[in-house]
């Protein structure tokens, strides 16, 4: 596995191409965002971004190219993200079952910020959950 530092803007484009949602400004949730990608044969097959938000560690985003899913790359990326962050580590995700399989547990919904709560899709077609790795 060749894990490299990755440009945040390109990471967002990769996430969108692979089904993650971002606001129209294509901004991350937190501050001091760092992104990393797995590159294999000059192709990006997976990426994750981490940050600090309100003095808490966050996995901002994590995605695997559709052709490479179900091959344990997601699990590898979660482990790499955990290594780089101070515990507890939070994420807000609609793929909460993936995180639960990787050692996260449900946590306080209050971390879902006002942007999520004012979205017209919130709890109608989008059901984000807060999970934490302690």
Protein backbone atom coordinates (compact mmCIF):
# COMPACT_ATOMS: atom_id res chain seq x y z
CA UNK A 1 0.00 0.00 0.00
CA UNK A 2 1.38 3.38 -1.00
CA UNK A 3 -0.20 6.00 1.29
CA UNK A 4 0.71 9.59 0.42
CA UNK A 5 -0.20 13.11 1.51
CA UNK A 6 -2.93 14.33 -0.80
CA UNK A 7 -4.24 17.75 -1.81
CA UNK A 8 -7.45 18.62 0.07
CA UNK A 9 -9.25 20.04 -2.97
CA UNK A 10 -8.47 16.95 -5.06
CA UNK A 11 -9.57 14.76 -2.15
CA UNK A 12 -12.98 16.47 -2.11
CA UNK A 13 -13.36 15.84 -5.84
CA UNK A 14 -12.46 12.16 -5.26
CA UNK A 15 -15.02 11.91 -2.46
CA UNK A 16 -17.78 13.44 -4.59
CA UNK A 17 -16.94 11.11 -7.49
CA UNK A 18 -17.32 8.20 -5.07
CA UNK A 19 -20.66 9.17 -3.55
CA UNK A 20 -19.86 11.40 -0.57
CA UNK A 21 -21.82 14.63 -0.15
CA UNK A 22 -20.26 18.06 0.23
CA UNK A 23 -21.87 21.48 0.34
CA UNK A 24 -21.83 23.69 -2.74
CA UNK A 25 -18.63 25.37 -1.52
CA UNK A 26 -16.87 22.01 -1.31
CA UNK A 27 -15.62 22.78 2.18
CA UNK A 28 -14.52 20.47 4.94
CA UNK A 29 -16.26 20.49 8.32
CA UNK A 30 -13.21 21.13 10.53
CA UNK A 31 -9.91 22.99 10.63
CA UNK A 32 -6.31 21.97 9.94
CA UNK A 33 -7.50 19.37 7.46
CA UNK A 34 -4.98 16.82 6.21
CA UNK A 35 -5.77 14.37 3.44
CA UNK A 36 -4.12 11.10 2.47
CA UNK A 37 -4.63 8.74 -0.45
CA UNK A 38 -3.76 5.19 -1.45
CA UNK A 39 -2.20 5.16 -4.87
CA UNK A 40 -1.80 1.96 -6.80
CA UNK A 41 -0.49 1.90 -10.40
CA UNK A 42 -0.81 5.70 -10.51
CA UNK A 43 -4.52 5.52 -9.66
CA UNK A 44 -6.12 6.83 -6.48
CA UNK A 45 -8.09 3.96 -5.03
CA UNK A 46 -8.96 5.40 -1.62
CA UNK A 47 -8.57 8.50 0.50
CA UNK A 48 -9.31 9.92 3.92
CA UNK A 49 -9.19 13.37 5.47
CA UNK A 50 -8.77 14.22 9.14
CA UNK A 51 -9.13 17.43 11.13
CA UNK A 52 -9.57 19.11 14.47
CA UNK A 53 -12.96 20.77 15.02
CA UNK A 54 -13.98 22.40 18.30
CA UNK A 55 -10.91 20.77 19.91
CA UNK A 56 -12.05 17.31 18.84
CA UNK A 57 -10.39 14.88 16.42
CA UNK A 58 -12.46 14.05 13.34
CA UNK A 59 -12.34 11.78 10.34
CA UNK A 60 -13.79 14.28 7.88
CA UNK A 61 -14.24 11.88 5.01
CA UNK A 62 -13.21 8.46 3.82
CA UNK A 63 -13.94 6.84 0.46
CA UNK A 64 -12.79 3.93 -1.67
CA UNK A 65 -13.08 3.86 -5.45
CA UNK A 66 -16.05 1.67 -6.37
CA UNK A 67 -13.82 -0.85 -8.20
CA UNK A 68 -11.79 -1.46 -5.03
CA UNK A 69 -14.54 -1.76 -2.43
CA UNK A 70 -14.94 -4.94 -0.36
CA UNK A 71 -11.17 -5.52 -0.46
CA UNK A 72 -10.33 -4.26 3.06
CA UNK A 73 -8.99 -0.87 1.90
CA UNK A 74 -11.60 0.96 3.99
CA UNK A 75 -10.46 -0.87 7.11
CA UNK A 76 -6.83 -0.01 6.33
CA UNK A 77 -7.68 3.66 5.89
CA UNK A 78 -9.62 3.80 9.17
CA UNK A 79 -6.62 2.31 10.98
CA UNK A 80 -4.32 4.88 9.36
CA UNK A 81 -6.64 7.74 10.34
CA UNK A 82 -6.80 6.49 13.95
CA UNK A 83 -2.98 6.41 14.12
CA UNK A 84 -2.81 10.09 13.18
CA UNK A 85 -5.43 11.45 15.59
CA UNK A 86 -5.78 11.93 19.32
CA UNK A 87 -8.59 9.89 20.88
CA UNK A 88 -11.51 10.19 21.08
CA UNK A 89 -12.03 10.33 17.32
CA UNK A 90 -15.39 11.37 15.91
CA UNK A 91 -17.04 11.11 12.55
CA UNK A 92 -20.47 12.06 11.27
CA UNK A 93 -21.55 9.51 8.72
CA UNK A 94 -24.43 7.93 6.89
CA UNK A 95 -22.25 4.78 6.70
CA UNK A 96 -22.28 4.35 10.46
CA UNK A 97 -22.37 0.55 10.22
CA UNK A 98 -18.97 0.57 8.51
CA UNK A 99 -17.52 2.54 11.41
CA UNK A 100 -19.24 0.34 14.01
CA UNK A 101 -17.55 -2.71 12.42
CA UNK A 102 -14.23 -0.90 12.87
CA UNK A 103 -14.44 -0.21 16.60
CA UNK A 104 -16.52 2.97 16.74
CA UNK A 105 -19.62 3.36 18.91
CA UNK A 106 -22.60 5.71 18.72
CA UNK A 107 -22.17 9.05 20.44
CA UNK A 108 -23.87 12.36 21.13
CA UNK A 109 -25.93 13.72 18.22
CA UNK A 110 -25.18 17.28 19.41
CA UNK A 111 -21.98 17.16 17.35
CA UNK A 112 -24.10 17.38 14.21
CA UNK A 113 -23.59 21.05 13.54
CA UNK A 114 -26.19 23.60 12.55
CA UNK A 115 -25.33 23.17 8.85
CA UNK A 116 -26.55 19.58 8.98
CA UNK A 117 -29.59 20.40 11.07
CA UNK A 118 -30.75 23.20 8.74
CA UNK A 119 -30.32 21.15 5.55
CA UNK A 120 -33.61 20.32 3.84
CA UNK A 121 -32.51 16.66 3.57
CA UNK A 122 -31.69 16.26 7.28
CA UNK A 123 -33.73 13.35 8.70
CA UNK A 124 -35.82 13.22 5.51
CA UNK A 125 -33.48 11.55 3.03
CA UNK A 126 -30.21 11.96 4.97
CA UNK A 127 -29.79 10.32 8.36
CA UNK A 128 -26.28 11.10 9.61
CA UNK A 129 -25.04 9.51 12.82
CA UNK A 130 -22.23 10.53 15.15
CA UNK A 131 -19.82 7.73 16.02
CA UNK A 132 -16.69 7.82 18.15
CA UNK A 133 -13.55 5.72 18.55
CA UNK A 134 -12.33 5.86 22.16
